[in-house]
C-alpha atoms as a PDB file:
ATOM      1  CA  UNK A   1     -62.926 126.694 -77.481  1.00  0.00           C
ATOM      2  CA  UNK A   2     -61.454 123.179 -77.911  1.00  0.00           C
ATOM      3  CA  UNK A   3     -59.058 121.871 -75.288  1.00  0.00           C
ATOM      4  CA  UNK A   4     -55.661 121.798 -76.966  1.00  0.00           C
ATOM      5  CA  UNK A   5     -52.701 119.488 -76.348  1.00  0.00           C
ATOM      6  CA  UNK A   6     -50.659 120.992 -73.474  1.00  0.00           C
ATOM      7  CA  UNK A   7     -47.642 121.087 -75.780  1.00  0.00           C
ATOM      8  CA  UNK A   8     -49.560 123.258 -78.237  1.00  0.00           C
ATOM      9  CA  UNK A   9     -50.512 125.610 -75.413  1.00  0.00           C
ATOM     10  CA  UNK A  10     -46.904 125.748 -74.192  1.00  0.00           C
ATOM     11  CA  UNK A  11     -45.638 126.362 -77.725  1.00  0.00           C
ATOM     12  CA  UNK A  12     -47.992 129.270 -78.229  1.00  0.00           C
ATOM     13  CA  UNK A  13     -46.880 130.825 -74.951  1.00  0.00           C
ATOM     14  CA  UNK A  14     -43.246 130.634 -76.025  1.00  0.00           C
ATOM     15  CA  UNK A  15     -44.098 132.915 -78.955  1.00  0.00           C
ATOM     16  CA  UNK A  16     -45.728 135.586 -76.795  1.00  0.00           C
ATOM     17  CA  UNK A  17     -42.588 137.175 -75.328  1.00  0.00           C
ATOM     18  CA  UNK A  18     -38.838 136.807 -75.020  1.00  0.00           C
ATOM     19  CA  UNK A  19     -36.603 134.771 -77.318  1.00  0.00           C
ATOM     20  CA  UNK A  20     -36.036 131.009 -77.384  1.00  0.00           C
ATOM     21  CA  UNK A  21     -33.849 128.609 -79.356  1.00  0.00           C
ATOM     22  CA  UNK A  22     -35.638 125.773 -81.138  1.00  0.00           C
ATOM     23  CA  UNK A  23     -32.942 123.328 -82.348  1.00  0.00           C
ATOM     24  CA  UNK A  24     -33.572 120.869 -85.163  1.00  0.00           C
ATOM     25  CA  UNK A  25     -33.081 117.138 -84.555  1.00  0.00           C
ATOM     26  CA  UNK A  26     -32.996 114.907 -87.613  1.00  0.00           C
ATOM     27  CA  UNK A  27     -34.108 111.629 -86.034  1.00  0.00           C
ATOM     28  CA  UNK A  28     -35.541 110.209 -82.814  1.00  0.00           C
ATOM     29  CA  UNK A  29     -32.109 109.798 -81.228  1.00  0.00           C
ATOM     30  CA  UNK A  30     -31.073 113.410 -81.759  1.00  0.00           C
ATOM     31  CA  UNK A  31     -34.510 114.571 -80.608  1.00  0.00           C
ATOM     32  CA  UNK A  32     -34.211 112.542 -77.419  1.00  0.00           C
ATOM     33  CA  UNK A  33     -30.786 114.032 -76.635  1.00  0.00           C
ATOM     34  CA  UNK A  34     -31.807 117.641 -77.359  1.00  0.00           C
ATOM     35  CA  UNK A  35     -34.876 117.221 -75.167  1.00  0.00           C
ATOM     36  CA  UNK A  36     -32.543 116.528 -72.207  1.00  0.00           C
ATOM     37  CA  UNK A  37     -30.548 119.721 -72.697  1.00  0.00           C
ATOM     38  CA  UNK A  38     -33.033 122.304 -71.472  1.00  0.00           C
ATOM     39  CA  UNK A  39     -34.482 123.449 -74.783  1.00  0.00           C
ATOM     40  CA  UNK A  40     -38.163 124.360 -74.577  1.00  0.00           C
ATOM     41  CA  UNK A  41     -39.187 123.113 -78.034  1.00  0.00           C
ATOM     42  CA  UNK A  42     -37.783 121.269 -81.044  1.00  0.00           C
ATOM     43  CA  UNK A  43     -38.248 121.583 -84.802  1.00  0.00           C
ATOM     44  CA  UNK A  44     -37.771 119.015 -87.524  1.00  0.00           C
ATOM     45  CA  UNK A  45     -35.417 119.645 -90.441  1.00  0.00           C
ATOM     46  CA  UNK A  46     -36.381 118.507 -93.918  1.00  0.00           C
ATOM     47  CA  UNK A  47     -32.730 118.368 -94.967  1.00  0.00           C
ATOM     48  CA  UNK A  48     -31.504 116.496 -91.907  1.00  0.00           C
ATOM     49  CA  UNK A  49     -34.286 113.939 -92.160  1.00  0.00           C
ATOM     50  CA  UNK A  50     -33.753 113.449 -95.895  1.00  0.00           C
ATOM     51  CA  UNK A  51     -30.022 112.839 -95.424  1.00  0.00           C
ATOM     52  CA  UNK A  52     -30.730 110.340 -92.650  1.00  0.00           C
ATOM     53  CA  UNK A  53     -32.636 108.128 -95.103  1.00  0.00           C
ATOM     54  CA  UNK A  54     -30.239 108.603 -97.990  1.00  0.00           C
ATOM     55  CA  UNK A  55     -32.059 111.342 -99.899  1.00  0.00           C
ATOM     56  CA  UNK A  56     -31.258 114.952-100.847  1.00  0.00           C
ATOM     57  CA  UNK A  57     -33.236 117.747 -99.209  1.00  0.00           C
ATOM     58  CA  UNK A  58     -36.790 117.934-100.589  1.00  0.00           C
ATOM     59  CA  UNK A  59     -36.441 114.310-101.653  1.00  0.00           C
ATOM     60  CA  UNK A  60     -38.886 112.676 -99.231  1.00  0.00           C
ATOM     61  CA  UNK A  61     -42.533 111.906 -99.831  1.00  0.00           C
ATOM     62  CA  UNK A  62     -45.512 113.335 -97.987  1.00  0.00           C
ATOM     63  CA  UNK A  63     -46.161 110.032 -96.219  1.00  0.00           C
ATOM     64  CA  UNK A  64     -42.521 109.754 -95.158  1.00  0.00           C
ATOM     65  CA  UNK A  65     -42.578 113.284 -93.768  1.00  0.00           C
ATOM     66  CA  UNK A  66     -45.800 112.654 -91.841  1.00  0.00           C
ATOM     67  CA  UNK A  67     -44.406 109.443 -90.360  1.00  0.00           C
ATOM     68  CA  UNK A  68     -41.281 111.358 -89.336  1.00  0.00           C
ATOM     69  CA  UNK A  69     -43.324 114.076 -87.616  1.00  0.00           C
ATOM     70  CA  UNK A  70     -45.292 111.411 -85.763  1.00  0.00           C
ATOM     71  CA  UNK A  71     -42.125 109.657 -84.597  1.00  0.00           C
ATOM     72  CA  UNK A  72     -40.412 112.828 -83.369  1.00  0.00           C
ATOM     73  CA  UNK A  73     -43.512 114.160 -81.613  1.00  0.00           C
ATOM     74  CA  UNK A  74     -44.015 110.795 -79.889  1.00  0.00           C
ATOM     75  CA  UNK A  75     -40.372 110.583 -78.791  1.00  0.00           C
ATOM     76  CA  UNK A  76     -40.309 113.742 -76.661  1.00  0.00           C
ATOM     77  CA  UNK A  77     -42.511 115.647 -74.268  1.00  0.00           C
ATOM     78  CA  UNK A  78     -41.594 118.992 -75.821  1.00  0.00           C
ATOM     79  CA  UNK A  79     -43.567 120.879 -78.477  1.00  0.00           C
ATOM     80  CA  UNK A  80     -42.371 120.028 -81.988  1.00  0.00           C
ATOM     81  CA  UNK A  81     -42.567 122.317 -85.008  1.00  0.00           C
ATOM     82  CA  UNK A  82     -42.761 120.513 -88.363  1.00  0.00           C
ATOM     83  CA  UNK A  83     -40.728 121.655 -91.358  1.00  0.00           C
ATOM     84  CA  UNK A  84     -43.516 120.970 -93.869  1.00  0.00           C
ATOM     85  CA  UNK A  85     -41.567 122.294 -96.843  1.00  0.00           C
ATOM     86  CA  UNK A  86     -44.009 123.507 -99.550  1.00  0.00           C
ATOM     87  CA  UNK A  87     -46.777 121.371 -98.011  1.00  0.00           C
ATOM     88  CA  UNK A  88     -46.070 118.792-100.740  1.00  0.00           C
ATOM     89  CA  UNK A  89     -48.522 120.564-103.033  1.00  0.00           C
ATOM     90  CA  UNK A  90     -49.041 123.556-105.281  1.00  0.00           C
ATOM     91  CA  UNK A  91     -52.835 123.930-105.313  1.00  0.00           C
ATOM     92  CA  UNK A  92     -54.212 125.650-102.200  1.00  0.00           C
ATOM     93  CA  UNK A  93     -56.867 122.958-101.805  1.00  0.00           C
ATOM     94  CA  UNK A  94     -54.222 120.250-101.718  1.00  0.00           C
ATOM     95  CA  UNK A  95     -52.138 122.353 -99.328  1.00  0.00           C
ATOM     96  CA  UNK A  96     -55.116 122.426 -96.968  1.00  0.00           C
ATOM     97  CA  UNK A  97     -55.609 118.666 -97.207  1.00  0.00           C
ATOM     98  CA  UNK A  98     -51.962 117.961 -96.467  1.00  0.00           C
ATOM     99  CA  UNK A  99     -51.813 120.450 -93.607  1.00  0.00           C
ATOM    100  CA  UNK A 100     -54.839 118.738 -92.050  1.00  0.00           C
ATOM    101  CA  UNK A 101     -52.931 115.446 -92.142  1.00  0.00           C
ATOM    102  CA  UNK A 102     -49.872 117.083 -90.582  1.00  0.00           C
ATOM    103  CA  UNK A 103     -52.010 118.460 -87.750  1.00  0.00           C
ATOM    104  CA  UNK A 104     -52.908 114.877 -86.809  1.00  0.00           C
ATOM    105  CA  UNK A 105     -49.270 113.836 -86.208  1.00  0.00           C
ATOM    106  CA  UNK A 106     -48.915 115.424 -82.776  1.00  0.00           C
ATOM    107  CA  UNK A 107     -46.874 118.458 -83.807  1.00  0.00           C
ATOM    108  CA  UNK A 108     -47.452 121.813 -82.115  1.00  0.00           C
ATOM    109  CA  UNK A 109     -46.552 123.954 -85.120  1.00  0.00           C
ATOM    110  CA  UNK A 110     -45.803 123.674 -88.817  1.00  0.00           C
ATOM    111  CA  UNK A 111     -44.322 125.858 -91.527  1.00  0.00           C
ATOM    112  CA  UNK A 112     -45.418 126.312 -95.123  1.00  0.00           C
ATOM    113  CA  UNK A 113     -42.950 127.862 -97.556  1.00  0.00           C
ATOM    114  CA  UNK A 114     -43.337 129.637-100.878  1.00  0.00           C
ATOM    115  CA  UNK A 115     -40.516 127.856-102.709  1.00  0.00           C
ATOM    116  CA  UNK A 116     -41.453 126.008-105.898  1.00  0.00           C
ATOM    117  CA  UNK A 117     -38.143 124.095-106.248  1.00  0.00           C
ATOM    118  CA  UNK A 118     -38.134 125.305-109.862  1.00  0.00           C
ATOM    119  CA  UNK A 119     -34.913 127.140-110.768  1.00  0.00           C
ATOM    120  CA  UNK A 120     -36.612 129.260-113.410  1.00  0.00           C
ATOM    121  CA  UNK A 121     -39.425 130.395-111.110  1.00  0.00           C
ATOM    122  CA  UNK A 122     -38.191 129.650-107.589  1.00  0.00           C
ATOM    123  CA  UNK A 123     -41.092 131.301-105.737  1.00  0.00           C
ATOM    124  CA  UNK A 124     -44.818 130.829-106.145  1.00  0.00           C
ATOM    125  CA  UNK A 125     -46.519 133.861-107.662  1.00  0.00           C
ATOM    126  CA  UNK A 126     -47.504 136.296-104.933  1.00  0.00           C
ATOM    127  CA  UNK A 127     -51.278 135.756-105.030  1.00  0.00           C
ATOM    128  CA  UNK A 128     -50.948 131.970-105.142  1.00  0.00           C
ATOM    129  CA  UNK A 129     -48.446 132.023-102.289  1.00  0.00           C
ATOM    130  CA  UNK A 130     -50.886 134.001-100.145  1.00  0.00           C
ATOM    131  CA  UNK A 131     -53.764 131.666-101.003  1.00  0.00           C
ATOM    132  CA  UNK A 132     -51.636 128.698 -99.952  1.00  0.00           C
ATOM    133  CA  UNK A 133     -51.085 130.229 -96.512  1.00  0.00           C
ATOM    134  CA  UNK A 134     -54.780 131.049 -96.259  1.00  0.00           C
ATOM    135  CA  UNK A 135     -55.638 127.430 -97.088  1.00  0.00           C
ATOM    136  CA  UNK A 136     -53.232 126.195 -94.411  1.00  0.00           C
ATOM    137  CA  UNK A 137     -54.850 128.554 -91.897  1.00  0.00           C
ATOM    138  CA  UNK A 138     -58.323 127.256 -92.723  1.00  0.00           C
ATOM    139  CA  UNK A 139     -57.178 123.641 -92.413  1.00  0.00           C
ATOM    140  CA  UNK A 140     -55.633 124.238 -89.010  1.00  0.00           C
ATOM    141  CA  UNK A 141     -58.730 126.029 -87.773  1.00  0.00           C
ATOM    142  CA  UNK A 142     -60.919 123.185 -89.010  1.00  0.00           C
ATOM    143  CA  UNK A 143     -58.685 120.639 -87.267  1.00  0.00           C
ATOM    144  CA  UNK A 144     -59.296 122.224 -83.869  1.00  0.00           C
ATOM    145  CA  UNK A 145     -55.721 121.352 -82.851  1.00  0.00           C
ATOM    146  CA  UNK A 146     -54.445 124.879 -82.319  1.00  0.00           C
ATOM    147  CA  UNK A 147     -51.269 124.062 -84.260  1.00  0.00           C
ATOM    148  CA  UNK A 148     -49.234 127.234 -84.808  1.00  0.00           C
ATOM    149  CA  UNK A 149     -48.787 128.264 -88.454  1.00  0.00           C
ATOM    150  CA  UNK A 150     -45.432 129.591 -89.650  1.00  0.00           C
ATOM    151  CA  UNK A 151     -45.310 131.424 -92.983  1.00  0.00           C
ATOM    152  CA  UNK A 152     -41.949 131.163 -94.768  1.00  0.00           C
ATOM    153  CA  UNK A 153     -40.640 133.244 -97.657  1.00  0.00           C
ATOM    154  CA  UNK A 154     -37.671 131.568 -99.300  1.00  0.00           C
ATOM    155  CA  UNK A 155     -36.319 134.303-101.573  1.00  0.00           C
ATOM    156  CA  UNK A 156     -32.971 134.641 -99.805  1.00  0.00           C
ATOM    157  CA  UNK A 157     -32.162 130.941-100.269  1.00  0.00           C
ATOM    158  CA  UNK A 158     -33.867 130.523-103.652  1.00  0.00           C
ATOM    159  CA  UNK A 159     -31.902 133.073-105.631  1.00  0.00           C
ATOM    160  CA  UNK A 160     -34.246 136.020-105.031  1.00  0.00           C
ATOM    161  CA  UNK A 161     -32.648 137.923-102.109  1.00  0.00           C
ATOM    162  CA  UNK A 162     -34.953 140.947-102.292  1.00  0.00           C
ATOM    163  CA  UNK A 163     -35.670 142.331 -98.831  1.00  0.00           C
ATOM    164  CA  UNK A 164     -38.609 144.502 -99.916  1.00  0.00           C
ATOM    165  CA  UNK A 165     -40.310 141.595-101.693  1.00  0.00           C
ATOM    166  CA  UNK A 166     -39.595 139.280 -98.779  1.00  0.00           C
ATOM    167  CA  UNK A 167     -41.215 141.738 -96.381  1.00  0.00           C
ATOM    168  CA  UNK A 168     -44.186 142.206 -98.724  1.00  0.00           C
ATOM    169  CA  UNK A 169     -44.744 138.466 -98.735  1.00  0.00           C
ATOM    170  CA  UNK A 170     -44.302 138.020 -94.983  1.00  0.00           C
ATOM    171  CA  UNK A 171     -46.768 140.834 -94.272  1.00  0.00           C
ATOM    172  CA  UNK A 172     -49.287 139.209 -96.616  1.00  0.00           C
ATOM    173  CA  UNK A 173     -48.756 135.803 -95.009  1.00  0.00           C
ATOM    174  CA  UNK A 174     -49.363 137.368 -91.610  1.00  0.00           C
ATOM    175  CA  UNK A 175     -52.608 138.889 -92.900  1.00  0.00           C
ATOM    176  CA  UNK A 176     -53.596 135.479 -94.325  1.00  0.00           C
ATOM    177  CA  UNK A 177     -53.236 133.813 -90.934  1.00  0.00           C
ATOM    178  CA  UNK A 178     -49.573 132.930 -90.370  1.00  0.00           C
ATOM    179  CA  UNK A 179     -48.780 133.394 -86.684  1.00  0.00           C
ATOM    180  CA  UNK A 180     -44.990 133.361 -86.955  1.00  0.00           C
ATOM    181  CA  UNK A 181     -42.946 134.650 -89.895  1.00  0.00           C
ATOM    182  CA  UNK A 182     -39.698 133.269 -91.243  1.00  0.00           C
ATOM    183  CA  UNK A 183     -37.309 134.236 -94.055  1.00  0.00           C
ATOM    184  CA  UNK A 184     -34.430 131.746 -94.074  1.00  0.00           C
ATOM    185  CA  UNK A 185     -31.160 133.100 -95.420  1.00  0.00           C
ATOM    186  CA  UNK A 186     -31.482 136.595 -93.972  1.00  0.00           C
ATOM    187  CA  UNK A 187     -28.288 137.199 -92.036  1.00  0.00           C
ATOM    188  CA  UNK A 188     -27.644 140.894 -91.404  1.00  0.00           C
ATOM    189  CA  UNK A 189     -29.030 142.369 -88.214  1.00  0.00           C
ATOM    190  CA  UNK A 190     -30.313 145.379 -90.158  1.00  0.00           C
ATOM    191  CA  UNK A 191     -32.403 143.157 -92.461  1.00  0.00           C
ATOM    192  CA  UNK A 192     -33.609 141.067 -89.556  1.00  0.00           C
ATOM    193  CA  UNK A 193     -34.673 144.170 -87.623  1.00  0.00           C
ATOM    194  CA  UNK A 194     -36.527 145.435 -90.700  1.00  0.00           C
ATOM    195  CA  UNK A 195     -38.499 142.192 -90.899  1.00  0.00           C
ATOM    196  CA  UNK A 196     -39.272 142.242 -87.190  1.00  0.00           C
ATOM    197  CA  UNK A 197     -40.611 145.807 -87.457  1.00  0.00           C
ATOM    198  CA  UNK A 198     -42.650 145.037 -90.562  1.00  0.00           C
ATOM    199  CA  UNK A 199     -44.620 142.105 -89.136  1.00  0.00           C
ATOM    200  CA  UNK A 200     -44.831 143.245 -85.506  1.00  0.00           C
ATOM    201  CA  UNK A 201     -46.375 142.257 -83.202  1.00  0.00           C
ATOM    202  CA  UNK A 202     -46.243 138.789 -84.765  1.00  0.00           C
ATOM    203  CA  UNK A 203     -43.104 136.817 -83.863  1.00  0.00           C
ATOM    204  CA  UNK A 204     -40.204 136.215 -86.242  1.00  0.00           C
ATOM    205  CA  UNK A 205     -38.043 133.098 -86.552  1.00  0.00           C
ATOM    206  CA  UNK A 206     -34.425 133.416 -87.686  1.00  0.00           C
ATOM    207  CA  UNK A 207     -32.382 130.410 -88.751  1.00  0.00           C
ATOM    208  CA  UNK A 208     -28.720 130.483 -87.717  1.00  0.00           C
ATOM    209  CA  UNK A 209     -26.766 128.186 -90.016  1.00  0.00           C
ATOM    210  CA  UNK A 210     -23.411 129.960 -89.687  1.00  0.00           C
ATOM    211  CA  UNK A 211     -21.677 132.030 -87.031  1.00  0.00           C
ATOM    212  CA  UNK A 212     -23.207 135.397 -87.952  1.00  0.00           C
ATOM    213  CA  UNK A 213     -25.012 136.334 -84.718  1.00  0.00           C
ATOM    214  CA  UNK A 214     -25.476 135.323 -81.098  1.00  0.00           C
ATOM    215  CA  UNK A 215     -28.675 134.564 -79.253  1.00  0.00           C
ATOM    216  CA  UNK A 216     -28.240 137.806 -77.329  1.00  0.00           C
ATOM    217  CA  UNK A 217     -27.858 139.870 -80.511  1.00  0.00           C
ATOM    218  CA  UNK A 218     -30.899 138.322 -82.156  1.00  0.00           C
ATOM    219  CA  UNK A 219     -32.981 138.756 -79.020  1.00  0.00           C
ATOM    220  CA  UNK A 220     -31.968 142.426 -78.923  1.00  0.00           C
ATOM    221  CA  UNK A 221     -33.115 142.725 -82.563  1.00  0.00           C
ATOM    222  CA  UNK A 222     -36.580 141.569 -81.517  1.00  0.00           C
ATOM    223  CA  UNK A 223     -36.353 137.992 -82.805  1.00  0.00           C
ATOM    224  CA  UNK A 224     -38.704 135.700 -80.926  1.00  0.00           C
ATOM    225  CA  UNK A 225     -37.298 132.301 -81.874  1.00  0.00           C
ATOM    226  CA  UNK A 226     -34.051 130.944 -83.321  1.00  0.00           C
ATOM    227  CA  UNK A 227     -33.720 127.674 -85.227  1.00  0.00           C
ATOM    228  CA  UNK A 228     -30.665 126.026 -86.793  1.00  0.00           C
ATOM    229  CA  UNK A 229     -32.237 124.115 -89.704  1.00  0.00           C
ATOM    230  CA  UNK A 230     -30.083 121.255 -90.938  1.00  0.00           C
ATOM    231  CA  UNK A 231     -26.896 122.658 -89.407  1.00  0.00           C
ATOM    232  CA  UNK A 232     -26.679 120.247 -86.458  1.00  0.00           C
ATOM    233  CA  UNK A 233     -27.104 117.417 -88.956  1.00  0.00           C
ATOM    234  CA  UNK A 234     -24.430 118.972 -91.201  1.00  0.00           C
ATOM    235  CA  UNK A 235     -22.128 119.218 -88.199  1.00  0.00           C
ATOM    236  CA  UNK A 236     -22.601 115.513 -87.474  1.00  0.00           C
ATOM    237  CA  UNK A 237     -22.096 114.568 -91.126  1.00  0.00           C
ATOM    238  CA  UNK A 238     -18.943 116.719 -91.286  1.00  0.00           C
ATOM    239  CA  UNK A 239     -17.374 114.756 -88.425  1.00  0.00           C
ATOM    240  CA  UNK A 240     -18.507 111.432 -89.873  1.00  0.00           C
ATOM    241  CA  UNK A 241     -17.147 112.197 -93.345  1.00  0.00           C
ATOM    242  CA  UNK A 242     -13.873 113.515 -91.969  1.00  0.00           C
ATOM    243  CA  UNK A 243     -13.257 110.301 -90.043  1.00  0.00           C
ATOM    244  CA  UNK A 244     -14.396 108.033 -92.877  1.00  0.00           C
ATOM    245  CA  UNK A 245     -12.250 109.845 -95.463  1.00  0.00           C
ATOM    246  CA  UNK A 246      -9.205 109.589 -93.213  1.00  0.00           C
ATOM    247  CA  UNK A 247      -9.654 105.819 -93.057  1.00  0.00           C
ATOM    248  CA  UNK A 248     -10.310 105.466 -96.787  1.00  0.00           C
ATOM    249  CA  UNK A 249      -7.526 107.778 -97.968  1.00  0.00           C
ATOM    250  CA  UNK A 250      -4.827 107.502 -95.293  1.00  0.00           C
ATOM    251  CA  UNK A 251      -5.534 104.263 -93.479  1.00  0.00           C
ATOM    252  CA  UNK A 252      -5.323 106.046 -90.125  1.00  0.00           C
ATOM    253  CA  UNK A 253      -7.804 106.563 -87.301  1.00  0.00           C
ATOM    254  CA  UNK A 254      -6.761 109.770 -85.553  1.00  0.00           C
ATOM    255  CA  UNK A 255     -10.289 111.216 -85.816  1.00  0.00           C
ATOM    256  CA  UNK A 256     -11.428 108.610 -83.313  1.00  0.00           C
ATOM    257  CA  UNK A 257      -9.418 110.270 -80.529  1.00  0.00           C
ATOM    258  CA  UNK A 258     -11.933 112.841 -79.236  1.00  0.00           C
ATOM    259  CA  UNK A 259     -15.080 110.722 -79.612  1.00  0.00           C
ATOM    260  CA  UNK A 260     -17.513 109.995 -76.811  1.00  0.00           C
ATOM    261  CA  UNK A 261     -17.412 106.510 -75.340  1.00  0.00           C
ATOM    262  CA  UNK A 262     -20.141 103.975 -75.913  1.00  0.00           C
ATOM    263  CA  UNK A 263     -20.947 104.119 -72.202  1.00  0.00           C
ATOM    264  CA  UNK A 264     -21.492 107.902 -72.356  1.00  0.00           C
ATOM    265  CA  UNK A 265     -23.800 107.557 -75.342  1.00  0.00           C
ATOM    266  CA  UNK A 266     -25.697 104.686 -73.744  1.00  0.00           C
ATOM    267  CA  UNK A 267     -26.324 106.902 -70.731  1.00  0.00           C
ATOM    268  CA  UNK A 268     -27.813 109.599 -72.961  1.00  0.00           C
ATOM    269  CA  UNK A 269     -30.352 107.092 -74.297  1.00  0.00           C
ATOM    270  CA  UNK A 270     -31.094 105.296 -71.009  1.00  0.00           C
ATOM    271  CA  UNK A 271     -34.786 105.385 -70.178  1.00  0.00           C
END
């Protein structure tokens, strides 16, 4: 057995029992701050990163994403899970090639989703979607890094909110080598519990992007890890836009009242 990065080993152990929150920084600064707050792992957000460089979600290139993963993983001592979108490819062979490159960035885990970004056919056909996960599994195994593979089914956020089909896909992804399963957009505890039962004993990730459940409730439902996707970034952008619009439209600065001081922020980033 190869000797894996200690962060990979720690990340795998986190998925073995209990429930943990894996928040999503969008840049090195937010990663550095979250790493100080007691979280045990971090995950990138494709949306948050894209917005930080002036792009819409899914608007970055493969090379930009890989450079981002490298920067975040190098900035913190915690395990980092990479939001690898659709692996920047359709063909399973290309998926494998790109996953191999992602494994070399220092991340401890990565996700591959089944969204096509095509409104007419928003999900890859079932067999192709499974082959893509299988190709990612083979690439990770060949890399010897031990990176944890997350299989994502996007139906609930891609206009196909079919629980039975989502479960069918997640079960197939688990059989193809995904070690953690994830269906973003699922919000009811009943649906979440159904997914947890279907793929057990493999762990399930739930993304909380609105106030629909607590950590305690999700843990009781059997969820192993909880992410927040681009919601921390959206929260930051909401405050920024509110203050900027007040200045532009009213010529007032009341939004500046509750802000942190420069000294407080400098302390957060002191090395």
